[in-house]
Every structure is written in C-alpha cells, then in structure tokens.
Amino acid sequence: MKEPLDLLKVISMGTFGVVVFGIPLLVLASLCAMAVNTAKRPTWCGPVLGGIILGLGFTAALSTDDSPPIPFLMSSALSGAICGWIYWRIAIRPRQTVEPQPS
C-alpha cells in the first residue's frame, strides 16, 4: 500500500507545474488568440504561426539544457502548428450559411 505522503507529493508537484507552466502558457495563448482575432479577415496563417511560436517557447521554457535538441523543437513546432490550425478551423474560419430547403 502506498503511503499518504506520496499522494501529497504528487498533488503539490502537479500544482507547482500548473502554476509555473500552465498559467503563463494559458495567458500567452489567450494573448495570441486576441491578436489573431483583431485582424479583419484572418487567414489560417496567423493562428498557425502563433501556435508554432507558442510551441517553441514552451519547449524552450521546459528545457533544462542550454538549447533543446532539434527533434524536440521540431515536434513542438509541429504540434503548435496543428493546434493553431485547429483553433482557426473551430473559432475563426468563415462560416457558410445553409438555407433550409422548402418542403
């Protein structure tokens, strides 16, 4: 049986991780989304570029070395680009209205 102190350690480490990394990332992502939404006719390029920058920044913040390895940077840029594209697809993309057909 695990000791109750193990659970307390995990909860405190998780809370520390959310405060140090999660909240700043949420603030930066919100600022990036607001910047993209200020454009009059946003295209998919802005959110994808913002996602790449956030992904690279988050990887750089998590790396303990002087510079993170290239595969980590490439995977974080790719995942950020995918997240930016999903954001554009769901939140910003121009909608096509479908008129109901008379029956």
PDB file of N, CA and C in Angstrom:
ATOM      1  N   MET A   1       0.837  -1.177   0.000  1.00  0.00           N
ATOM      2  CA  MET A   1       0.000   0.000   0.000  1.00  0.00           C
ATOM      3  C   MET A   1       0.887   1.246   0.000  1.00  0.00           C
ATOM      4  N   LYS A   2       0.516   2.215  -0.783  1.00  0.00           N
ATOM      5  CA  LYS A   2       1.309   3.436  -0.864  1.00  0.00           C
ATOM      6  C   LYS A   2       1.013   4.320   0.334  1.00  0.00           C
ATOM      7  N   GLU A   3       1.993   5.090   0.690  1.00  0.00           N
ATOM      8  CA  GLU A   3       1.833   5.986   1.829  1.00  0.00           C
ATOM      9  C   GLU A   3       1.013   7.212   1.432  1.00  0.00           C
ATOM     10  N   PRO A   4       0.289   7.802   2.367  1.00  0.00           N
ATOM     11  CA  PRO A   4      -0.483   9.007   2.054  1.00  0.00           C
ATOM     12  C   PRO A   4       0.408  10.182   1.661  1.00  0.00           C
ATOM     13  N   LEU A   5       1.666  10.167   2.101  1.00  0.00           N
ATOM     14  CA  LEU A   5       2.556  11.274   1.759  1.00  0.00           C
ATOM     15  C   LEU A   5       2.890  11.280   0.270  1.00  0.00           C
ATOM     16  N   ASP A   6       2.853  10.103  -0.374  1.00  0.00           N
ATOM     17  CA  ASP A   6       3.099  10.060  -1.815  1.00  0.00           C
ATOM     18  C   ASP A   6       2.046  10.861  -2.568  1.00  0.00           C
ATOM     19  N   LEU A   7       0.805  10.738  -2.162  1.00  0.00           N
ATOM     20  CA  LEU A   7      -0.270  11.486  -2.789  1.00  0.00           C
ATOM     21  C   LEU A   7      -0.082  12.986  -2.581  1.00  0.00           C
ATOM     22  N   LEU A   8       0.338  13.384  -1.400  1.00  0.00           N
ATOM     23  CA  LEU A   8       0.563  14.797  -1.125  1.00  0.00           C
ATOM     24  C   LEU A   8       1.715  15.342  -1.968  1.00  0.00           C
ATOM     25  N   LYS A   9       2.749  14.529  -2.173  1.00  0.00           N
ATOM     26  CA  LYS A   9       3.865  14.955  -3.017  1.00  0.00           C
ATOM     27  C   LYS A   9       3.405  15.164  -4.450  1.00  0.00           C
ATOM     28  N   VAL A  10       2.621  14.241  -4.960  1.00  0.00           N
ATOM     29  CA  VAL A  10       2.158  14.332  -6.341  1.00  0.00           C
ATOM     30  C   VAL A  10       1.242  15.539  -6.512  1.00  0.00           C
ATOM     31  N   ILE A  11       0.353  15.781  -5.582  1.00  0.00           N
ATOM     32  CA  ILE A  11      -0.552  16.928  -5.669  1.00  0.00           C
ATOM     33  C   ILE A  11       0.229  18.233  -5.630  1.00  0.00           C
ATOM     34  N   SER A  12       1.212  18.320  -4.750  1.00  0.00           N
ATOM     35  CA  SER A  12       1.983  19.564  -4.673  1.00  0.00           C
ATOM     36  C   SER A  12       2.842  19.766  -5.921  1.00  0.00           C
ATOM     37  N   MET A  13       3.405  18.688  -6.470  1.00  0.00           N
ATOM     38  CA  MET A  13       4.192  18.819  -7.696  1.00  0.00           C
ATOM     39  C   MET A  13       3.308  19.210  -8.879  1.00  0.00           C
ATOM     40  N   GLY A  14       2.125  18.643  -8.964  1.00  0.00           N
ATOM     41  CA  GLY A  14       1.198  18.992 -10.033  1.00  0.00           C
ATOM     42  C   GLY A  14       0.745  20.435  -9.941  1.00  0.00           C
ATOM     43  N   THR A  15       0.454  20.891  -8.723  1.00  0.00           N
ATOM     44  CA  THR A  15       0.062  22.284  -8.529  1.00  0.00           C
ATOM     45  C   THR A  15       1.196  23.222  -8.914  1.00  0.00           C
ATOM     46  N   PHE A  16       2.409  22.880  -8.539  1.00  0.00           N
ATOM     47  CA  PHE A  16       3.567  23.688  -8.907  1.00  0.00           C
ATOM     48  C   PHE A  16       3.717  23.748 -10.426  1.00  0.00           C
ATOM     49  N   GLY A  17       3.541  22.617 -11.099  1.00  0.00           N
ATOM     50  CA  GLY A  17       3.654  22.586 -12.552  1.00  0.00           C
ATOM     51  C   GLY A  17       2.597  23.442 -13.235  1.00  0.00           C
ATOM     52  N   VAL A  18       1.380  23.408 -12.726  1.00  0.00           N
ATOM     53  CA  VAL A  18       0.313  24.229 -13.308  1.00  0.00           C
ATOM     54  C   VAL A  18       0.601  25.711 -13.105  1.00  0.00           C
ATOM     55  N   VAL A  19       1.059  26.079 -11.925  1.00  0.00           N
ATOM     56  CA  VAL A  19       1.322  27.492 -11.648  1.00  0.00           C
ATOM     57  C   VAL A  19       2.505  28.001 -12.466  1.00  0.00           C
ATOM     58  N   VAL A  20       3.566  27.215 -12.548  1.00  0.00           N
ATOM     59  CA  VAL A  20       4.779  27.677 -13.227  1.00  0.00           C
ATOM     60  C   VAL A  20       4.648  27.620 -14.743  1.00  0.00           C
ATOM     61  N   PHE A  21       4.011  26.584 -15.284  1.00  0.00           N
ATOM     62  CA  PHE A  21       3.965  26.424 -16.738  1.00  0.00           C
ATOM     63  C   PHE A  21       2.566  26.617 -17.319  1.00  0.00           C
ATOM     64  N   GLY A  22       1.557  26.098 -16.668  1.00  0.00           N
ATOM     65  CA  GLY A  22       0.211  26.118 -17.235  1.00  0.00           C
ATOM     66  C   GLY A  22      -0.409  27.500 -17.309  1.00  0.00           C
ATOM     67  N   ILE A  23      -0.354  28.248 -16.237  1.00  0.00           N
ATOM     68  CA  ILE A  23      -0.977  29.571 -16.218  1.00  0.00           C
ATOM     69  C   ILE A  23      -0.276  30.532 -17.175  1.00  0.00           C
ATOM     70  N   PRO A  24       1.062  30.627 -17.179  1.00  0.00           N
ATOM     71  CA  PRO A  24       1.687  31.505 -18.183  1.00  0.00           C
ATOM     72  C   PRO A  24       1.397  31.078 -19.624  1.00  0.00           C
ATOM     73  N   LEU A  25       1.341  29.781 -19.885  1.00  0.00           N
ATOM     74  CA  LEU A  25       1.021  29.324 -21.234  1.00  0.00           C
ATOM     75  C   LEU A  25      -0.408  29.693 -21.607  1.00  0.00           C
ATOM     76  N   LEU A  26      -1.338  29.588 -20.678  1.00  0.00           N
ATOM     77  CA  LEU A  26      -2.717  29.990 -20.934  1.00  0.00           C
ATOM     78  C   LEU A  26      -2.809  31.485 -21.227  1.00  0.00           C
ATOM     79  N   VAL A  27      -2.086  32.283 -20.483  1.00  0.00           N
ATOM     80  CA  VAL A  27      -2.087  33.738 -20.713  1.00  0.00           C
ATOM     81  C   VAL A  27      -1.492  34.061 -22.080  1.00  0.00           C
ATOM     82  N   LEU A  28      -0.367  33.446 -22.426  1.00  0.00           N
ATOM     83  CA  LEU A  28       0.248  33.697 -23.724  1.00  0.00           C
ATOM     84  C   LEU A  28      -0.642  33.226 -24.871  1.00  0.00           C
ATOM     85  N   ALA A  29      -1.282  32.084 -24.716  1.00  0.00           N
ATOM     86  CA  ALA A  29      -2.180  31.591 -25.763  1.00  0.00           C
ATOM     87  C   ALA A  29      -3.388  32.513 -25.912  1.00  0.00           C
ATOM     88  N   SER A  30      -3.887  33.041 -24.817  1.00  0.00           N
ATOM     89  CA  SER A  30      -5.009  33.981 -24.889  1.00  0.00           C
ATOM     90  C   SER A  30      -4.601  35.275 -25.583  1.00  0.00           C
ATOM     91  N   LEU A  31      -3.418  35.776 -25.281  1.00  0.00           N
ATOM     92  CA  LEU A  31      -2.921  36.977 -25.961  1.00  0.00           C
ATOM     93  C   LEU A  31      -2.740  36.730 -27.456  1.00  0.00           C
ATOM     94  N   CYS A  32      -2.234  35.562 -27.797  1.00  0.00           N
ATOM     95  CA  CYS A  32      -2.060  35.217 -29.206  1.00  0.00           C
ATOM     96  C   CYS A  32      -3.423  35.122 -29.901  1.00  0.00           C
ATOM     97  N   ALA A  33      -4.406  34.527 -29.250  1.00  0.00           N
ATOM     98  CA  ALA A  33      -5.746  34.424 -29.838  1.00  0.00           C
ATOM     99  C   ALA A  33      -6.374  35.798 -30.008  1.00  0.00           C
ATOM    100  N   MET A  34      -6.176  36.690 -29.046  1.00  0.00           N
ATOM    101  CA  MET A  34      -6.715  38.046 -29.177  1.00  0.00           C
ATOM    102  C   MET A  34      -6.045  38.787 -30.327  1.00  0.00           C
ATOM    103  N   ALA A  35      -4.742  38.595 -30.498  1.00  0.00           N
ATOM    104  CA  ALA A  35      -4.034  39.257 -31.600  1.00  0.00           C
ATOM    105  C   ALA A  35      -4.534  38.749 -32.949  1.00  0.00           C
ATOM    106  N   VAL A  36      -4.792  37.454 -33.046  1.00  0.00           N
ATOM    107  CA  VAL A  36      -5.292  36.897 -34.303  1.00  0.00           C
ATOM    108  C   VAL A  36      -6.712  37.385 -34.578  1.00  0.00           C
ATOM    109  N   ASN A  37      -7.526  37.504 -33.536  1.00  0.00           N
ATOM    110  CA  ASN A  37      -8.915  37.920 -33.718  1.00  0.00           C
ATOM    111  C   ASN A  37      -9.060  39.390 -34.069  1.00  0.00           C
ATOM    112  N   THR A  38      -8.032  40.204 -33.855  1.00  0.00           N
ATOM    113  CA  THR A  38      -8.130  41.615 -34.205  1.00  0.00           C
ATOM    114  C   THR A  38      -8.006  41.836 -35.710  1.00  0.00           C
ATOM    115  N   ALA A  39      -7.515  40.870 -36.441  1.00  0.00           N
ATOM    116  CA  ALA A  39      -7.408  41.005 -37.895  1.00  0.00           C
ATOM    117  C   ALA A  39      -8.804  41.030 -38.502  1.00  0.00           C
ATOM    118  N   LYS A  40      -8.981  41.864 -39.525  1.00  0.00           N
ATOM    119  CA  LYS A  40     -10.296  41.999 -40.153  1.00  0.00           C
ATOM    120  C   LYS A  40     -10.706  40.720 -40.885  1.00  0.00           C
ATOM    121  N   ARG A  41      -9.836  40.178 -41.681  1.00  0.00           N
ATOM    122  CA  ARG A  41     -10.106  38.940 -42.411  1.00  0.00           C
ATOM    123  C   ARG A  41      -8.990  37.947 -42.117  1.00  0.00           C
ATOM    124  N   PRO A  42      -9.041  37.299 -40.964  1.00  0.00           N
ATOM    125  CA  PRO A  42      -7.934  36.406 -40.606  1.00  0.00           C
ATOM    126  C   PRO A  42      -7.882  35.178 -41.512  1.00  0.00           C
ATOM    127  N   THR A  43      -6.677  34.786 -41.826  1.00  0.00           N
ATOM    128  CA  THR A  43      -6.463  33.553 -42.580  1.00  0.00           C
ATOM    129  C   THR A  43      -5.872  32.516 -41.630  1.00  0.00           C
ATOM    130  N   TRP A  44      -5.623  31.356 -42.150  1.00  0.00           N
ATOM    131  CA  TRP A  44      -5.086  30.290 -41.303  1.00  0.00           C
ATOM    132  C   TRP A  44      -3.628  30.534 -40.937  1.00  0.00           C
ATOM    133  N   CYS A  45      -2.938  31.431 -41.633  1.00  0.00           N
ATOM    134  CA  CYS A  45      -1.502  31.648 -41.397  1.00  0.00           C
ATOM    135  C   CYS A  45      -1.214  32.212 -40.003  1.00  0.00           C
ATOM    136  N   GLY A  46      -2.029  33.161 -39.548  1.00  0.00           N
ATOM    137  CA  GLY A  46      -1.794  33.792 -38.248  1.00  0.00           C
ATOM    138  C   GLY A  46      -1.882  32.815 -37.083  1.00  0.00           C
ATOM    139  N   PRO A  47      -2.984  32.065 -36.966  1.00  0.00           N
ATOM    140  CA  PRO A  47      -3.053  31.096 -35.869  1.00  0.00           C
ATOM    141  C   PRO A  47      -1.994  30.009 -35.940  1.00  0.00           C
ATOM    142  N   VAL A  48      -1.647  29.572 -37.141  1.00  0.00           N
ATOM    143  CA  VAL A  48      -0.614  28.536 -37.269  1.00  0.00           C
ATOM    144  C   VAL A  48       0.740  29.092 -36.835  1.00  0.00           C
ATOM    145  N   LEU A  49       1.062  30.309 -37.269  1.00  0.00           N
ATOM    146  CA  LEU A  49       2.325  30.924 -36.858  1.00  0.00           C
ATOM    147  C   LEU A  49       2.346  31.159 -35.345  1.00  0.00           C
ATOM    148  N   GLY A  50       1.228  31.625 -34.788  1.00  0.00           N
ATOM    149  CA  GLY A  50       1.152  31.803 -33.330  1.00  0.00           C
ATOM    150  C   GLY A  50       1.329  30.492 -32.581  1.00  0.00           C
ATOM    151  N   GLY A  51       0.747  29.415 -33.108  1.00  0.00           N
ATOM    152  CA  GLY A  51       0.916  28.103 -32.486  1.00  0.00           C
ATOM    153  C   GLY A  51       2.350  27.615 -32.526  1.00  0.00           C
ATOM    154  N   ILE A  52       3.020  27.878 -33.648  1.00  0.00           N
ATOM    155  CA  ILE A  52       4.431  27.492 -33.761  1.00  0.00           C
ATOM    156  C   ILE A  52       5.267  28.249 -32.731  1.00  0.00           C
ATOM    157  N   ILE A  53       5.018  29.543 -32.601  1.00  0.00           N
ATOM    158  CA  ILE A  53       5.776  30.347 -31.643  1.00  0.00           C
ATOM    159  C   ILE A  53       5.505  29.887 -30.215  1.00  0.00           C
ATOM    160  N   LEU A  54       4.228  29.621 -29.890  1.00  0.00           N
ATOM    161  CA  LEU A  54       3.917  29.135 -28.540  1.00  0.00           C
ATOM    162  C   LEU A  54       4.544  27.767 -28.277  1.00  0.00           C
ATOM    163  N   GLY A  55       4.501  26.880 -29.259  1.00  0.00           N
ATOM    164  CA  GLY A  55       5.104  25.559 -29.077  1.00  0.00           C
ATOM    165  C   GLY A  55       6.602  25.636 -28.849  1.00  0.00           C
ATOM    166  N   LEU A  56       7.270  26.453 -29.652  1.00  0.00           N
ATOM    167  CA  LEU A  56       8.718  26.609 -29.478  1.00  0.00           C
ATOM    168  C   LEU A  56       9.050  27.288 -28.147  1.00  0.00           C
ATOM    169  N   GLY A  57       8.267  28.277 -27.776  1.00  0.00           N
ATOM    170  CA  GLY A  57       8.507  28.959 -26.496  1.00  0.00           C
ATOM    171  C   GLY A  57       8.300  28.040 -25.303  1.00  0.00           C
ATOM    172  N   PHE A  58       7.275  27.208 -25.387  1.00  0.00           N
ATOM    173  CA  PHE A  58       7.004  26.288 -24.284  1.00  0.00           C
ATOM    174  C   PHE A  58       8.116  25.250 -24.177  1.00  0.00           C
ATOM    175  N   THR A  59       8.612  24.753 -25.298  1.00  0.00           N
ATOM    176  CA  THR A  59       9.711  23.794 -25.264  1.00  0.00           C
ATOM    177  C   THR A  59      10.983  24.440 -24.731  1.00  0.00           C
ATOM    178  N   ALA A  60      11.223  25.683 -25.133  1.00  0.00           N
ATOM    179  CA  ALA A  60      12.408  26.382 -24.623  1.00  0.00           C
ATOM    180  C   ALA A  60      12.296  26.620 -23.124  1.00  0.00           C
ATOM    181  N   ALA A  61      11.084  26.896 -22.629  1.00  0.00           N
ATOM    182  CA  ALA A  61      10.897  27.115 -21.196  1.00  0.00           C
ATOM    183  C   ALA A  61      11.085  25.826 -20.403  1.00  0.00           C
ATOM    184  N   LEU A  62      10.709  24.702 -20.978  1.00  0.00           N
ATOM    185  CA  LEU A  62      10.836  23.425 -20.277  1.00  0.00           C
ATOM    186  C   LEU A  62      12.228  22.823 -20.352  1.00  0.00           C
ATOM    187  N   SER A  63      13.031  23.244 -21.304  1.00  0.00           N
ATOM    188  CA  SER A  63      14.341  22.619 -21.465  1.00  0.00           C
ATOM    189  C   SER A  63      15.280  23.074 -20.349  1.00  0.00           C
ATOM    190  N   THR A  64      16.021  22.136 -19.828  1.00  0.00           N
ATOM    191  CA  THR A  64      16.961  22.450 -18.766  1.00  0.00           C
ATOM    192  C   THR A  64      18.366  22.665 -19.314  1.00  0.00           C
ATOM    193  N   ASP A  65      18.590  22.253 -20.552  1.00  0.00           N
ATOM    194  CA  ASP A  65      19.896  22.450 -21.179  1.00  0.00           C
ATOM    195  C   ASP A  65      19.989  23.867 -21.724  1.00  0.00           C
ATOM    196  N   ASP A  66      21.158  24.167 -22.288  1.00  0.00           N
ATOM    197  CA  ASP A  66      21.321  25.473 -22.925  1.00  0.00           C
ATOM    198  C   ASP A  66      20.407  25.612 -24.126  1.00  0.00           C
ATOM    199  N   SER A  67      20.311  24.572 -24.927  1.00  0.00           N
ATOM    200  CA  SER A  67      19.399  24.589 -26.070  1.00  0.00           C
ATOM    201  C   SER A  67      18.771  23.202 -26.197  1.00  0.00           C
ATOM    202  N   PRO A  68      17.450  23.150 -26.425  1.00  0.00           N
ATOM    203  CA  PRO A  68      16.801  21.840 -26.550  1.00  0.00           C
ATOM    204  C   PRO A  68      17.209  21.147 -27.854  1.00  0.00           C
ATOM    205  N   PRO A  69      17.159  19.823 -27.882  1.00  0.00           N
ATOM    206  CA  PRO A  69      17.516  19.092 -29.102  1.00  0.00           C
ATOM    207  C   PRO A  69      16.575  19.432 -30.264  1.00  0.00           C
ATOM    208  N   ILE A  70      17.083  19.329 -31.463  1.00  0.00           N
ATOM    209  CA  ILE A  70      16.328  19.673 -32.674  1.00  0.00           C
ATOM    210  C   ILE A  70      15.034  18.861 -32.798  1.00  0.00           C
ATOM    211  N   PRO A  71      15.024  17.548 -32.519  1.00  0.00           N
ATOM    212  CA  PRO A  71      13.749  16.815 -32.639  1.00  0.00           C
ATOM    213  C   PRO A  71      12.665  17.363 -31.700  1.00  0.00           C
ATOM    214  N   PHE A  72      13.055  17.791 -30.499  1.00  0.00           N
ATOM    215  CA  PHE A  72      12.066  18.381 -29.590  1.00  0.00           C
ATOM    216  C   PHE A  72      11.524  19.686 -30.146  1.00  0.00           C
ATOM    217  N   LEU A  73      12.398  20.504 -30.704  1.00  0.00           N
ATOM    218  CA  LEU A  73      11.953  21.770 -31.287  1.00  0.00           C
ATOM    219  C   LEU A  73      11.036  21.535 -32.483  1.00  0.00           C
ATOM    220  N   MET A  74      11.380  20.570 -33.318  1.00  0.00           N
ATOM    221  CA  MET A  74      10.548  20.292 -34.491  1.00  0.00           C
ATOM    222  C   MET A  74       9.190  19.740 -34.088  1.00  0.00           C
ATOM    223  N   SER A  75       9.160  18.850 -33.101  1.00  0.00           N
ATOM    224  CA  SER A  75       7.880  18.288 -32.676  1.00  0.00           C
ATOM    225  C   SER A  75       7.019  19.337 -31.983  1.00  0.00           C
ATOM    226  N   SER A  76       7.636  20.237 -31.230  1.00  0.00           N
ATOM    227  CA  SER A  76       6.842  21.281 -30.585  1.00  0.00           C
ATOM    228  C   SER A  76       6.322  22.291 -31.607  1.00  0.00           C
ATOM    229  N   ALA A  77       7.115  22.592 -32.633  1.00  0.00           N
ATOM    230  CA  ALA A  77       6.645  23.484 -33.693  1.00  0.00           C
ATOM    231  C   ALA A  77       5.501  22.837 -34.467  1.00  0.00           C
ATOM    232  N   LEU A  78       5.611  21.558 -34.752  1.00  0.00           N
ATOM    233  CA  LEU A  78       4.553  20.858 -35.474  1.00  0.00           C
ATOM    234  C   LEU A  78       3.271  20.783 -34.648  1.00  0.00           C
ATOM    235  N   SER A  79       3.398  20.434 -33.376  1.00  0.00           N
ATOM    236  CA  SER A  79       2.193  20.354 -32.539  1.00  0.00           C
ATOM    237  C   SER A  79       1.565  21.727 -32.351  1.00  0.00           C
ATOM    238  N   GLY A  80       2.378  22.773 -32.237  1.00  0.00           N
ATOM    239  CA  GLY A  80       1.833  24.123 -32.143  1.00  0.00           C
ATOM    240  C   GLY A  80       1.121  24.532 -33.413  1.00  0.00           C
ATOM    241  N   ALA A  81       1.681  24.165 -34.561  1.00  0.00           N
ATOM    242  CA  ALA A  81       1.034  24.475 -35.839  1.00  0.00           C
ATOM    243  C   ALA A  81      -0.306  23.758 -35.966  1.00  0.00           C
ATOM    244  N   ILE A  82      -0.354  22.510 -35.544  1.00  0.00           N
ATOM    245  CA  ILE A  82      -1.607  21.758 -35.592  1.00  0.00           C
ATOM    246  C   ILE A  82      -2.638  22.386 -34.663  1.00  0.00           C
ATOM    247  N   CYS A  83      -2.238  22.772 -33.472  1.00  0.00           N
ATOM    248  CA  CYS A  83      -3.167  23.412 -32.538  1.00  0.00           C
ATOM    249  C   CYS A  83      -3.656  24.758 -33.073  1.00  0.00           C
ATOM    250  N   GLY A  84      -2.769  25.521 -33.699  1.00  0.00           N
ATOM    251  CA  GLY A  84      -3.178  26.791 -34.293  1.00  0.00           C
ATOM    252  C   GLY A  84      -4.162  26.591 -35.430  1.00  0.00           C
ATOM    253  N   TRP A  85      -3.932  25.572 -36.251  1.00  0.00           N
ATOM    254  CA  TRP A  85      -4.854  25.288 -37.343  1.00  0.00           C
ATOM    255  C   TRP A  85      -6.211  24.853 -36.809  1.00  0.00           C
ATOM    256  N   ILE A  86      -6.216  24.029 -35.759  1.00  0.00           N
ATOM    257  CA  ILE A  86      -7.483  23.612 -35.149  1.00  0.00           C
ATOM    258  C   ILE A  86      -8.212  24.817 -34.572  1.00  0.00           C
ATOM    259  N   TYR A  87      -7.476  25.725 -33.945  1.00  0.00           N
ATOM    260  CA  TYR A  87      -8.100  26.941 -33.411  1.00  0.00           C
ATOM    261  C   TYR A  87      -8.739  27.743 -34.539  1.00  0.00           C
ATOM    262  N   TRP A  88      -8.032  27.904 -35.646  1.00  0.00           N
ATOM    263  CA  TRP A  88      -8.590  28.646 -36.779  1.00  0.00           C
ATOM    264  C   TRP A  88      -9.812  27.938 -37.340  1.00  0.00           C
ATOM    265  N   ARG A  89      -9.738  26.635 -37.455  1.00  0.00           N
ATOM    266  CA  ARG A  89     -10.823  25.849 -38.036  1.00  0.00           C
ATOM    267  C   ARG A  89     -12.089  25.941 -37.191  1.00  0.00           C
ATOM    268  N   ILE A  90     -11.936  25.934 -35.874  1.00  0.00           N
ATOM    269  CA  ILE A  90     -13.104  25.942 -34.996  1.00  0.00           C
ATOM    270  C   ILE A  90     -13.593  27.354 -34.715  1.00  0.00           C
ATOM    271  N   ALA A  91     -12.687  28.262 -34.377  1.00  0.00           N
ATOM    272  CA  ALA A  91     -13.108  29.545 -33.835  1.00  0.00           C
ATOM    273  C   ALA A  91     -13.188  30.671 -34.852  1.00  0.00           C
ATOM    274  N   ILE A  92     -12.357  30.666 -35.875  1.00  0.00           N
ATOM    275  CA  ILE A  92     -12.251  31.853 -36.713  1.00  0.00           C
ATOM    276  C   ILE A  92     -12.751  31.642 -38.129  1.00  0.00           C
ATOM    277  N   ARG A  93     -12.633  30.481 -38.668  1.00  0.00           N
ATOM    278  CA  ARG A  93     -12.918  30.225 -40.077  1.00  0.00           C
ATOM    279  C   ARG A  93     -14.279  30.781 -40.475  1.00  0.00           C
ATOM    280  N   PRO A  94     -14.351  31.454 -41.624  1.00  0.00           N
ATOM    281  CA  PRO A  94     -15.640  31.966 -42.083  1.00  0.00           C
ATOM    282  C   PRO A  94     -16.645  30.832 -42.264  1.00  0.00           C
ATOM    283  N   ARG A  95     -17.837  31.055 -41.817  1.00  0.00           N
ATOM    284  CA  ARG A  95     -18.882  30.038 -41.884  1.00  0.00           C
ATOM    285  C   ARG A  95     -19.699  30.213 -43.156  1.00  0.00           C
ATOM    286  N   GLN A  96     -20.149  29.104 -43.679  1.00  0.00           N
ATOM    287  CA  GLN A  96     -21.077  29.138 -44.799  1.00  0.00           C
ATOM    288  C   GLN A  96     -22.468  28.858 -44.255  1.00  0.00           C
ATOM    289  N   THR A  97     -23.387  29.721 -44.574  1.00  0.00           N
ATOM    290  CA  THR A  97     -24.749  29.529 -44.082  1.00  0.00           C
ATOM    291  C   THR A  97     -25.508  28.640 -45.070  1.00  0.00           C
ATOM    292  N   VAL A  98     -26.255  27.738 -44.540  1.00  0.00           N
ATOM    293  CA  VAL A  98     -27.065  26.841 -45.353  1.00  0.00           C
ATOM    294  C   VAL A  98     -28.520  27.220 -45.129  1.00  0.00           C
ATOM    295  N   GLU A  99     -29.188  27.562 -46.218  1.00  0.00           N
ATOM    296  CA  GLU A  99     -30.599  27.922 -46.108  1.00  0.00           C
ATOM    297  C   GLU A  99     -31.443  26.648 -46.182  1.00  0.00           C
ATOM    298  N   PRO A 100     -32.493  26.594 -45.369  1.00  0.00           N
ATOM    299  CA  PRO A 100     -33.327  25.384 -45.392  1.00  0.00           C
ATOM    300  C   PRO A 100     -34.092  25.291 -46.715  1.00  0.00           C
ATOM    301  N   GLN A 101     -34.223  24.079 -47.196  1.00  0.00           N
ATOM    302  CA  GLN A 101     -34.955  23.826 -48.437  1.00  0.00           C
ATOM    303  C   GLN A 101     -36.451  23.771 -48.157  1.00  0.00           C
ATOM    304  N   PRO A 102     -37.255  24.398 -49.009  1.00  0.00           N
ATOM    305  CA  PRO A 102     -38.711  24.283 -48.798  1.00  0.00           C
ATOM    306  C   PRO A 102     -39.180  22.862 -49.068  1.00  0.00           C
ATOM    307  N   SER A 103     -40.095  22.406 -48.269  1.00  0.00           N
ATOM    308  CA  SER A 103     -40.575  21.032 -48.460  1.00  0.00           C
ATOM    309  C   SER A 103     -41.966  20.990 -49.022  1.00  0.00           C
TER     310      SER A 103
END
